[in-house]
Amino acid sequence: MIKKGEWVLIHRNVLEPSQRAPQVPDDTKQVPLELWVKGYLQSDANIGDEVTVLTRTKREERGTLLEANPYYKHDFGKFVPELLVVSEQVRDILFGGAENE
């Protein structure tokens, strides 16, 4: 059970594929327009429940409760050794090398 007032993430489909504007690209027309939004839960609920949240800009939004206390889970990928070489080359070009710091 997630309590009222918790910071949560919700999701809903804003437009179904059949409701998409005619001028959008064909591949875009094939998928719904989706909304993910974070806000303060307005009543106790469980994951998967249809809920209302109050966003930081004081908008009320409805959607399916996905998670409590959401956080960013992305990164910039695995280490790329070539970028170290490029970094040194850029330093040399711009600043005359590391010894001139």
PDB file of N, CA and C in Angstrom:
ATOM      1  N   MET A   1       0.846  -1.179   0.000  1.00  0.00           N
ATOM      2  CA  MET A   1       0.000   0.000   0.000  1.00  0.00           C
ATOM      3  C   MET A   1       0.893   1.244   0.000  1.00  0.00           C
ATOM      4  N   ILE A   2       0.630   2.139  -0.913  1.00  0.00           N
ATOM      5  CA  ILE A   2       1.349   3.404  -0.984  1.00  0.00           C
ATOM      6  C   ILE A   2       0.430   4.473  -0.410  1.00  0.00           C
ATOM      7  N   LYS A   3       0.954   5.238   0.503  1.00  0.00           N
ATOM      8  CA  LYS A   3       0.154   6.197   1.269  1.00  0.00           C
ATOM      9  C   LYS A   3      -0.042   7.521   0.530  1.00  0.00           C
ATOM     10  N   LYS A   4      -1.147   8.158   0.826  1.00  0.00           N
ATOM     11  CA  LYS A   4      -1.453   9.484   0.319  1.00  0.00           C
ATOM     12  C   LYS A   4      -0.288  10.424   0.644  1.00  0.00           C
ATOM     13  N   GLY A   5       0.075  11.265  -0.325  1.00  0.00           N
ATOM     14  CA  GLY A   5       1.156  12.217  -0.126  1.00  0.00           C
ATOM     15  C   GLY A   5       2.504  11.746  -0.611  1.00  0.00           C
ATOM     16  N   GLU A   6       2.646  10.442  -0.908  1.00  0.00           N
ATOM     17  CA  GLU A   6       3.919   9.918  -1.424  1.00  0.00           C
ATOM     18  C   GLU A   6       4.159  10.450  -2.833  1.00  0.00           C
ATOM     19  N   TRP A   7       5.434  10.615  -3.181  1.00  0.00           N
ATOM     20  CA  TRP A   7       5.851  11.025  -4.522  1.00  0.00           C
ATOM     21  C   TRP A   7       5.814   9.782  -5.402  1.00  0.00           C
ATOM     22  N   VAL A   8       5.037   9.824  -6.491  1.00  0.00           N
ATOM     23  CA  VAL A   8       4.818   8.633  -7.310  1.00  0.00           C
ATOM     24  C   VAL A   8       4.915   8.957  -8.795  1.00  0.00           C
ATOM     25  N   LEU A   9       4.966   7.900  -9.590  1.00  0.00           N
ATOM     26  CA  LEU A   9       4.953   7.988 -11.042  1.00  0.00           C
ATOM     27  C   LEU A   9       3.693   7.309 -11.553  1.00  0.00           C
ATOM     28  N   ILE A  10       2.985   8.005 -12.454  1.00  0.00           N
ATOM     29  CA  ILE A  10       1.796   7.418 -13.075  1.00  0.00           C
ATOM     30  C   ILE A  10       1.959   7.421 -14.588  1.00  0.00           C
ATOM     31  N   HIS A  11       1.083   6.666 -15.264  1.00  0.00           N
ATOM     32  CA  HIS A  11       1.105   6.558 -16.724  1.00  0.00           C
ATOM     33  C   HIS A  11      -0.327   6.500 -17.231  1.00  0.00           C
ATOM     34  N   ARG A  12      -0.532   7.094 -18.413  1.00  0.00           N
ATOM     35  CA  ARG A  12      -1.805   6.920 -19.112  1.00  0.00           C
ATOM     36  C   ARG A  12      -1.607   7.209 -20.583  1.00  0.00           C
ATOM     37  N   ASN A  13      -2.495   6.652 -21.391  1.00  0.00           N
ATOM     38  CA  ASN A  13      -2.518   6.959 -22.811  1.00  0.00           C
ATOM     39  C   ASN A  13      -3.376   8.198 -23.005  1.00  0.00           C
ATOM     40  N   VAL A  14      -2.804   9.218 -23.613  1.00  0.00           N
ATOM     41  CA  VAL A  14      -3.521  10.459 -23.870  1.00  0.00           C
ATOM     42  C   VAL A  14      -4.376  10.309 -25.130  1.00  0.00           C
ATOM     43  N   LEU A  15      -3.786   9.729 -26.172  1.00  0.00           N
ATOM     44  CA  LEU A  15      -4.495   9.483 -27.422  1.00  0.00           C
ATOM     45  C   LEU A  15      -4.209   8.070 -27.899  1.00  0.00           C
ATOM     46  N   GLU A  16      -5.243   7.392 -28.359  1.00  0.00           N
ATOM     47  CA  GLU A  16      -5.073   6.079 -28.981  1.00  0.00           C
ATOM     48  C   GLU A  16      -4.590   6.296 -30.423  1.00  0.00           C
ATOM     49  N   PRO A  17      -4.010   5.268 -31.046  1.00  0.00           N
ATOM     50  CA  PRO A  17      -3.508   5.444 -32.416  1.00  0.00           C
ATOM     51  C   PRO A  17      -4.553   6.017 -33.380  1.00  0.00           C
ATOM     52  N   SER A  18      -5.776   5.607 -33.246  1.00  0.00           N
ATOM     53  CA  SER A  18      -6.839   6.091 -34.152  1.00  0.00           C
ATOM     54  C   SER A  18      -7.160   7.573 -33.937  1.00  0.00           C
ATOM     55  N   GLN A  19      -6.739   8.133 -32.822  1.00  0.00           N
ATOM     56  CA  GLN A  19      -7.014   9.538 -32.510  1.00  0.00           C
ATOM     57  C   GLN A  19      -5.854  10.465 -32.859  1.00  0.00           C
ATOM     58  N   ARG A  20      -4.754   9.911 -33.331  1.00  0.00           N
ATOM     59  CA  ARG A  20      -3.577  10.726 -33.637  1.00  0.00           C
ATOM     60  C   ARG A  20      -3.852  11.644 -34.825  1.00  0.00           C
ATOM     61  N   ALA A  21      -3.188  12.793 -34.860  1.00  0.00           N
ATOM     62  CA  ALA A  21      -3.353  13.769 -35.930  1.00  0.00           C
ATOM     63  C   ALA A  21      -2.908  13.179 -37.266  1.00  0.00           C
ATOM     64  N   PRO A  22      -3.575  13.533 -38.356  1.00  0.00           N
ATOM     65  CA  PRO A  22      -3.229  12.948 -39.658  1.00  0.00           C
ATOM     66  C   PRO A  22      -1.838  13.326 -40.155  1.00  0.00           C
ATOM     67  N   GLN A  23      -1.282  14.443 -39.695  1.00  0.00           N
ATOM     68  CA  GLN A  23       0.011  14.888 -40.201  1.00  0.00           C
ATOM     69  C   GLN A  23       1.210  14.248 -39.516  1.00  0.00           C
ATOM     70  N   VAL A  24       0.994  13.454 -38.465  1.00  0.00           N
ATOM     71  CA  VAL A  24       2.142  12.819 -37.809  1.00  0.00           C
ATOM     72  C   VAL A  24       2.688  11.706 -38.689  1.00  0.00           C
ATOM     73  N   PRO A  25       3.983  11.385 -38.570  1.00  0.00           N
ATOM     74  CA  PRO A  25       4.578  10.319 -39.389  1.00  0.00           C
ATOM     75  C   PRO A  25       3.851   8.983 -39.198  1.00  0.00           C
ATOM     76  N   ASP A  26       3.898   8.145 -40.233  1.00  0.00           N
ATOM     77  CA  ASP A  26       3.175   6.873 -40.206  1.00  0.00           C
ATOM     78  C   ASP A  26       3.551   5.994 -39.026  1.00  0.00           C
ATOM     79  N   ASP A  27       4.852   5.929 -38.686  1.00  0.00           N
ATOM     80  CA  ASP A  27       5.251   5.081 -37.563  1.00  0.00           C
ATOM     81  C   ASP A  27       4.716   5.631 -36.241  1.00  0.00           C
ATOM     82  N   THR A  28       4.568   6.940 -36.147  1.00  0.00           N
ATOM     83  CA  THR A  28       4.018   7.558 -34.942  1.00  0.00           C
ATOM     84  C   THR A  28       2.520   7.288 -34.818  1.00  0.00           C
ATOM     85  N   LYS A  29       1.832   7.282 -35.949  1.00  0.00           N
ATOM     86  CA  LYS A  29       0.380   7.030 -35.951  1.00  0.00           C
ATOM     87  C   LYS A  29       0.027   5.646 -35.414  1.00  0.00           C
ATOM     88  N   GLN A  30       0.980   4.737 -35.428  1.00  0.00           N
ATOM     89  CA  GLN A  30       0.706   3.351 -35.043  1.00  0.00           C
ATOM     90  C   GLN A  30       0.759   3.113 -33.542  1.00  0.00           C
ATOM     91  N   VAL A  31       1.179   4.106 -32.770  1.00  0.00           N
ATOM     92  CA  VAL A  31       1.306   3.920 -31.320  1.00  0.00           C
ATOM     93  C   VAL A  31       0.530   5.014 -30.586  1.00  0.00           C
ATOM     94  N   PRO A  32       0.087   4.739 -29.372  1.00  0.00           N
ATOM     95  CA  PRO A  32      -0.627   5.773 -28.617  1.00  0.00           C
ATOM     96  C   PRO A  32       0.315   6.892 -28.175  1.00  0.00           C
ATOM     97  N   LEU A  33      -0.256   8.065 -27.919  1.00  0.00           N
ATOM     98  CA  LEU A  33       0.476   9.157 -27.288  1.00  0.00           C
ATOM     99  C   LEU A  33       0.395   8.907 -25.792  1.00  0.00           C
ATOM    100  N   GLU A  34       1.548   8.705 -25.157  1.00  0.00           N
ATOM    101  CA  GLU A  34       1.579   8.308 -23.757  1.00  0.00           C
ATOM    102  C   GLU A  34       2.074   9.444 -22.866  1.00  0.00           C
ATOM    103  N   LEU A  35       1.629   9.414 -21.613  1.00  0.00           N
ATOM    104  CA  LEU A  35       2.032  10.404 -20.615  1.00  0.00           C
ATOM    105  C   LEU A  35       2.540   9.672 -19.381  1.00  0.00           C
ATOM    106  N   TRP A  36       3.729  10.047 -18.938  1.00  0.00           N
ATOM    107  CA  TRP A  36       4.259   9.614 -17.648  1.00  0.00           C
ATOM    108  C   TRP A  36       4.439  10.887 -16.848  1.00  0.00           C
ATOM    109  N   VAL A  37       3.938  10.919 -15.649  1.00  0.00           N
ATOM    110  CA  VAL A  37       4.051  12.134 -14.846  1.00  0.00           C
ATOM    111  C   VAL A  37       4.249  11.759 -13.383  1.00  0.00           C
ATOM    112  N   LYS A  38       5.012  12.589 -12.676  1.00  0.00           N
ATOM    113  CA  LYS A  38       5.256  12.386 -11.254  1.00  0.00           C
ATOM    114  C   LYS A  38       4.431  13.387 -10.465  1.00  0.00           C
ATOM    115  N   GLY A  39       4.025  12.981  -9.275  1.00  0.00           N
ATOM    116  CA  GLY A  39       3.271  13.884  -8.425  1.00  0.00           C
ATOM    117  C   GLY A  39       3.003  13.253  -7.076  1.00  0.00           C
ATOM    118  N   TYR A  40       2.277  14.005  -6.261  1.00  0.00           N
ATOM    119  CA  TYR A  40       1.925  13.544  -4.917  1.00  0.00           C
ATOM    120  C   TYR A  40       0.606  12.790  -4.980  1.00  0.00           C
ATOM    121  N   LEU A  41       0.622  11.562  -4.512  1.00  0.00           N
ATOM    122  CA  LEU A  41      -0.553  10.703  -4.520  1.00  0.00           C
ATOM    123  C   LEU A  41      -1.659  11.318  -3.667  1.00  0.00           C
ATOM    124  N   GLN A  42      -2.878  11.331  -4.193  1.00  0.00           N
ATOM    125  CA  GLN A  42      -3.984  12.002  -3.515  1.00  0.00           C
ATOM    126  C   GLN A  42      -4.831  11.082  -2.640  1.00  0.00           C
ATOM    127  N   SER A  43      -4.579   9.772  -2.706  1.00  0.00           N
ATOM    128  CA  SER A  43      -5.251   8.824  -1.806  1.00  0.00           C
ATOM    129  C   SER A  43      -4.438   7.537  -1.761  1.00  0.00           C
ATOM    130  N   ASP A  44      -4.557   6.780  -0.681  1.00  0.00           N
ATOM    131  CA  ASP A  44      -3.838   5.511  -0.565  1.00  0.00           C
ATOM    132  C   ASP A  44      -4.172   4.627  -1.767  1.00  0.00           C
ATOM    133  N   ALA A  45      -3.168   3.889  -2.267  1.00  0.00           N
ATOM    134  CA  ALA A  45      -3.393   3.048  -3.446  1.00  0.00           C
ATOM    135  C   ALA A  45      -2.316   1.980  -3.536  1.00  0.00           C
ATOM    136  N   ASN A  46      -2.546   1.043  -4.432  1.00  0.00           N
ATOM    137  CA  ASN A  46      -1.588  -0.011  -4.737  1.00  0.00           C
ATOM    138  C   ASN A  46      -1.091   0.161  -6.165  1.00  0.00           C
ATOM    139  N   ILE A  47       0.083  -0.386  -6.460  1.00  0.00           N
ATOM    140  CA  ILE A  47       0.608  -0.363  -7.821  1.00  0.00           C
ATOM    141  C   ILE A  47      -0.448  -0.968  -8.743  1.00  0.00           C
ATOM    142  N   GLY A  48      -0.688  -0.294  -9.873  1.00  0.00           N
ATOM    143  CA  GLY A  48      -1.674  -0.758 -10.841  1.00  0.00           C
ATOM    144  C   GLY A  48      -3.036  -0.108 -10.692  1.00  0.00           C
ATOM    145  N   ASP A  49      -3.268   0.561  -9.571  1.00  0.00           N
ATOM    146  CA  ASP A  49      -4.547   1.250  -9.363  1.00  0.00           C
ATOM    147  C   ASP A  49      -4.616   2.514 -10.205  1.00  0.00           C
ATOM    148  N   GLU A  50      -5.819   2.903 -10.560  1.00  0.00           N
ATOM    149  CA  GLU A  50      -6.086   4.175 -11.218  1.00  0.00           C
ATOM    150  C   GLU A  50      -6.116   5.240 -10.127  1.00  0.00           C
ATOM    151  N   VAL A  51      -5.249   6.257 -10.230  1.00  0.00           N
ATOM    152  CA  VAL A  51      -5.090   7.231  -9.150  1.00  0.00           C
ATOM    153  C   VAL A  51      -5.047   8.656  -9.695  1.00  0.00           C
ATOM    154  N   THR A  52      -5.108   9.606  -8.775  1.00  0.00           N
ATOM    155  CA  THR A  52      -4.914  11.020  -9.076  1.00  0.00           C
ATOM    156  C   THR A  52      -3.687  11.490  -8.318  1.00  0.00           C
ATOM    157  N   VAL A  53      -2.873  12.312  -8.997  1.00  0.00           N
ATOM    158  CA  VAL A  53      -1.712  12.916  -8.360  1.00  0.00           C
ATOM    159  C   VAL A  53      -1.795  14.429  -8.520  1.00  0.00           C
ATOM    160  N   LEU A  54      -1.122  15.122  -7.636  1.00  0.00           N
ATOM    161  CA  LEU A  54      -0.978  16.565  -7.732  1.00  0.00           C
ATOM    162  C   LEU A  54       0.479  16.832  -8.081  1.00  0.00           C
ATOM    163  N   THR A  55       0.713  17.426  -9.245  1.00  0.00           N
ATOM    164  CA  THR A  55       2.084  17.668  -9.699  1.00  0.00           C
ATOM    165  C   THR A  55       2.692  18.845  -8.948  1.00  0.00           C
ATOM    166  N   ARG A  56       3.972  19.059  -9.147  1.00  0.00           N
ATOM    167  CA  ARG A  56       4.654  20.187  -8.495  1.00  0.00           C
ATOM    168  C   ARG A  56       4.136  21.522  -8.992  1.00  0.00           C
ATOM    169  N   THR A  57       3.519  21.531 -10.189  1.00  0.00           N
ATOM    170  CA  THR A  57       2.938  22.769 -10.722  1.00  0.00           C
ATOM    171  C   THR A  57       1.460  22.886 -10.377  1.00  0.00           C
ATOM    172  N   LYS A  58       1.015  22.034  -9.427  1.00  0.00           N
ATOM    173  CA  LYS A  58      -0.357  22.057  -8.895  1.00  0.00           C
ATOM    174  C   LYS A  58      -1.419  21.623  -9.901  1.00  0.00           C
ATOM    175  N   ARG A  59      -1.027  20.835 -10.912  1.00  0.00           N
ATOM    176  CA  ARG A  59      -1.992  20.228 -11.830  1.00  0.00           C
ATOM    177  C   ARG A  59      -2.418  18.892 -11.263  1.00  0.00           C
ATOM    178  N   GLU A  60      -3.665  18.545 -11.446  1.00  0.00           N
ATOM    179  CA  GLU A  60      -4.122  17.197 -11.099  1.00  0.00           C
ATOM    180  C   GLU A  60      -4.094  16.351 -12.357  1.00  0.00           C
ATOM    181  N   GLU A  61      -3.516  15.172 -12.248  1.00  0.00           N
ATOM    182  CA  GLU A  61      -3.449  14.225 -13.364  1.00  0.00           C
ATOM    183  C   GLU A  61      -3.910  12.870 -12.876  1.00  0.00           C
ATOM    184  N   ARG A  62      -4.571  12.126 -13.772  1.00  0.00           N
ATOM    185  CA  ARG A  62      -5.014  10.762 -13.470  1.00  0.00           C
ATOM    186  C   ARG A  62      -4.226   9.777 -14.306  1.00  0.00           C
ATOM    187  N   GLY A  63      -4.019   8.588 -13.748  1.00  0.00           N
ATOM    188  CA  GLY A  63      -3.327   7.552 -14.486  1.00  0.00           C
ATOM    189  C   GLY A  63      -3.140   6.318 -13.627  1.00  0.00           C
ATOM    190  N   THR A  64      -2.463   5.348 -14.200  1.00  0.00           N
ATOM    191  CA  THR A  64      -2.177   4.090 -13.513  1.00  0.00           C
ATOM    192  C   THR A  64      -0.907   4.257 -12.678  1.00  0.00           C
ATOM    193  N   LEU A  65      -0.990   3.912 -11.412  1.00  0.00           N
ATOM    194  CA  LEU A  65       0.151   4.031 -10.503  1.00  0.00           C
ATOM    195  C   LEU A  65       1.216   3.003 -10.868  1.00  0.00           C
ATOM    196  N   LEU A  66       2.435   3.495 -11.160  1.00  0.00           N
ATOM    197  CA  LEU A  66       3.531   2.615 -11.553  1.00  0.00           C
ATOM    198  C   LEU A  66       4.525   2.354 -10.435  1.00  0.00           C
ATOM    199  N   GLU A  67       4.925   3.415  -9.706  1.00  0.00           N
ATOM    200  CA  GLU A  67       5.910   3.216  -8.641  1.00  0.00           C
ATOM    201  C   GLU A  67       5.919   4.395  -7.676  1.00  0.00           C
ATOM    202  N   ALA A  68       6.402   4.116  -6.489  1.00  0.00           N
ATOM    203  CA  ALA A  68       6.571   5.150  -5.467  1.00  0.00           C
ATOM    204  C   ALA A  68       8.034   5.590  -5.450  1.00  0.00           C
ATOM    205  N   ASN A  69       8.258   6.849  -5.135  1.00  0.00           N
ATOM    206  CA  ASN A  69       9.604   7.411  -5.049  1.00  0.00           C
ATOM    207  C   ASN A  69      10.437   7.097  -6.289  1.00  0.00           C
ATOM    208  N   PRO A  70       9.947   7.465  -7.475  1.00  0.00           N
ATOM    209  CA  PRO A  70      10.672   7.146  -8.713  1.00  0.00           C
ATOM    210  C   PRO A  70      11.999   7.897  -8.785  1.00  0.00           C
ATOM    211  N   TYR A  71      12.935   7.317  -9.512  1.00  0.00           N
ATOM    212  CA  TYR A  71      14.243   7.937  -9.707  1.00  0.00           C
ATOM    213  C   TYR A  71      14.730   7.607 -11.101  1.00  0.00           C
ATOM    214  N   TYR A  72      15.701   8.367 -11.580  1.00  0.00           N
ATOM    215  CA  TYR A  72      16.243   8.143 -12.914  1.00  0.00           C
ATOM    216  C   TYR A  72      17.098   6.881 -12.910  1.00  0.00           C
ATOM    217  N   LYS A  73      16.866   6.024 -13.887  1.00  0.00           N
ATOM    218  CA  LYS A  73      17.575   4.749 -13.952  1.00  0.00           C
ATOM    219  C   LYS A  73      18.485   4.660 -15.175  1.00  0.00           C
ATOM    220  N   HIS A  74      18.585   5.743 -15.939  1.00  0.00           N
ATOM    221  CA  HIS A  74      19.415   5.708 -17.136  1.00  0.00           C
ATOM    222  C   HIS A  74      20.874   5.994 -16.793  1.00  0.00           C
ATOM    223  N   ASP A  75      21.732   5.679 -17.720  1.00  0.00           N
ATOM    224  CA  ASP A  75      23.132   6.052 -17.604  1.00  0.00           C
ATOM    225  C   ASP A  75      23.637   6.388 -18.999  1.00  0.00           C
ATOM    226  N   PHE A  76      24.914   6.608 -19.138  1.00  0.00           N
ATOM    227  CA  PHE A  76      25.470   6.987 -20.422  1.00  0.00           C
ATOM    228  C   PHE A  76      26.201   5.833 -21.087  1.00  0.00           C
ATOM    229  N   GLY A  77      25.875   4.615 -20.693  1.00  0.00           N
ATOM    230  CA  GLY A  77      26.439   3.445 -21.340  1.00  0.00           C
ATOM    231  C   GLY A  77      27.765   3.015 -20.739  1.00  0.00           C
ATOM    232  N   LYS A  78      28.337   2.018 -21.369  1.00  0.00           N
ATOM    233  CA  LYS A  78      29.595   1.453 -20.906  1.00  0.00           C
ATOM    234  C   LYS A  78      30.767   2.362 -21.268  1.00  0.00           C
ATOM    235  N   PHE A  79      31.864   2.173 -20.577  1.00  0.00           N
ATOM    236  CA  PHE A  79      33.088   2.934 -20.808  1.00  0.00           C
ATOM    237  C   PHE A  79      33.556   2.741 -22.247  1.00  0.00           C
ATOM    238  N   VAL A  80      33.962   3.849 -22.899  1.00  0.00           N
ATOM    239  CA  VAL A  80      34.456   3.812 -24.275  1.00  0.00           C
ATOM    240  C   VAL A  80      35.891   4.346 -24.262  1.00  0.00           C
ATOM    241  N   PRO A  81      36.889   3.445 -24.381  1.00  0.00           N
ATOM    242  CA  PRO A  81      38.293   3.875 -24.277  1.00  0.00           C
ATOM    243  C   PRO A  81      38.672   4.944 -25.299  1.00  0.00           C
ATOM    244  N   GLU A  82      38.083   4.889 -26.485  1.00  0.00           N
ATOM    245  CA  GLU A  82      38.418   5.855 -27.526  1.00  0.00           C
ATOM    246  C   GLU A  82      38.119   7.294 -27.091  1.00  0.00           C
ATOM    247  N   LEU A  83      37.143   7.462 -26.187  1.00  0.00           N
ATOM    248  CA  LEU A  83      36.811   8.805 -25.736  1.00  0.00           C
ATOM    249  C   LEU A  83      37.935   9.432 -24.916  1.00  0.00           C
ATOM    250  N   LEU A  84      38.739   8.615 -24.246  1.00  0.00           N
ATOM    251  CA  LEU A  84      39.902   9.149 -23.534  1.00  0.00           C
ATOM    252  C   LEU A  84      40.898   9.758 -24.512  1.00  0.00           C
ATOM    253  N   VAL A  85      41.104   9.066 -25.629  1.00  0.00           N
ATOM    254  CA  VAL A  85      42.026   9.565 -26.657  1.00  0.00           C
ATOM    255  C   VAL A  85      41.485  10.871 -27.234  1.00  0.00           C
ATOM    256  N   VAL A  86      40.215  10.905 -27.550  1.00  0.00           N
ATOM    257  CA  VAL A  86      39.596  12.115 -28.100  1.00  0.00           C
ATOM    258  C   VAL A  86      39.697  13.253 -27.100  1.00  0.00           C
ATOM    259  N   SER A  87      39.473  12.976 -25.829  1.00  0.00           N
ATOM    260  CA  SER A  87      39.564  14.004 -24.793  1.00  0.00           C
ATOM    261  C   SER A  87      40.951  14.629 -24.763  1.00  0.00           C
ATOM    262  N   GLU A  88      41.983  13.798 -24.835  1.00  0.00           N
ATOM    263  CA  GLU A  88      43.358  14.309 -24.840  1.00  0.00           C
ATOM    264  C   GLU A  88      43.635  15.117 -26.101  1.00  0.00           C
ATOM    265  N   GLN A  89      43.106  14.671 -27.243  1.00  0.00           N
ATOM    266  CA  GLN A  89      43.307  15.406 -28.492  1.00  0.00           C
ATOM    267  C   GLN A  89      42.648  16.781 -28.416  1.00  0.00           C
ATOM    268  N   VAL A  90      41.453  16.841 -27.881  1.00  0.00           N
ATOM    269  CA  VAL A  90      40.743  18.117 -27.742  1.00  0.00           C
ATOM    270  C   VAL A  90      41.507  19.039 -26.801  1.00  0.00           C
ATOM    271  N   ARG A  91      42.000  18.509 -25.699  1.00  0.00           N
ATOM    272  CA  ARG A  91      42.791  19.305 -24.755  1.00  0.00           C
ATOM    273  C   ARG A  91      44.031  19.879 -25.444  1.00  0.00           C
ATOM    274  N   ASP A  92      44.699  19.045 -26.232  1.00  0.00           N
ATOM    275  CA  ASP A  92      45.890  19.513 -26.955  1.00  0.00           C
ATOM    276  C   ASP A  92      45.546  20.625 -27.938  1.00  0.00           C
ATOM    277  N   ILE A  93      44.466  20.456 -28.674  1.00  0.00           N
ATOM    278  CA  ILE A  93      44.066  21.443 -29.680  1.00  0.00           C
ATOM    279  C   ILE A  93      43.659  22.758 -29.023  1.00  0.00           C
ATOM    280  N   LEU A  94      42.852  22.680 -27.976  1.00  0.00           N
ATOM    281  CA  LEU A  94      42.316  23.896 -27.358  1.00  0.00           C
ATOM    282  C   LEU A  94      43.286  24.589 -26.410  1.00  0.00           C
ATOM    283  N   PHE A  95      44.047  23.815 -25.661  1.00  0.00           N
ATOM    284  CA  PHE A  95      44.825  24.402 -24.556  1.00  0.00           C
ATOM    285  C   PHE A  95      46.325  24.126 -24.657  1.00  0.00           C
ATOM    286  N   GLY A  96      46.761  23.490 -25.728  1.00  0.00           N
ATOM    287  CA  GLY A  96      48.175  23.222 -25.859  1.00  0.00           C
ATOM    288  C   GLY A  96      48.658  22.065 -25.000  1.00  0.00           C
ATOM    289  N   GLY A  97      47.769  21.175 -24.586  1.00  0.00           N
ATOM    290  CA  GLY A  97      48.156  19.995 -23.823  1.00  0.00           C
ATOM    291  C   GLY A  97      47.929  20.138 -22.340  1.00  0.00           C
ATOM    292  N   ALA A  98      48.040  19.023 -21.638  1.00  0.00           N
ATOM    293  CA  ALA A  98      47.785  18.959 -20.192  1.00  0.00           C
ATOM    294  C   ALA A  98      48.839  19.730 -19.397  1.00  0.00           C
ATOM    295  N   GLU A  99      50.041  19.863 -19.929  1.00  0.00           N
ATOM    296  CA  GLU A  99      51.099  20.529 -19.167  1.00  0.00           C
ATOM    297  C   GLU A  99      50.880  22.029 -19.021  1.00  0.00           C
ATOM    298  N   ASN A 100      49.965  22.618 -19.771  1.00  0.00           N
ATOM    299  CA  ASN A 100      49.712  24.056 -19.707  1.00  0.00           C
ATOM    300  C   ASN A 100      48.550  24.410 -18.792  1.00  0.00           C
ATOM    301  N   GLU A 101      48.119  23.521 -17.940  1.00  0.00           N
ATOM    302  CA  GLU A 101      46.972  23.802 -17.060  1.00  0.00           C
ATOM    303  C   GLU A 101      47.352  24.781 -15.980  1.00  0.00           C
TER     304      GLU A 101
END
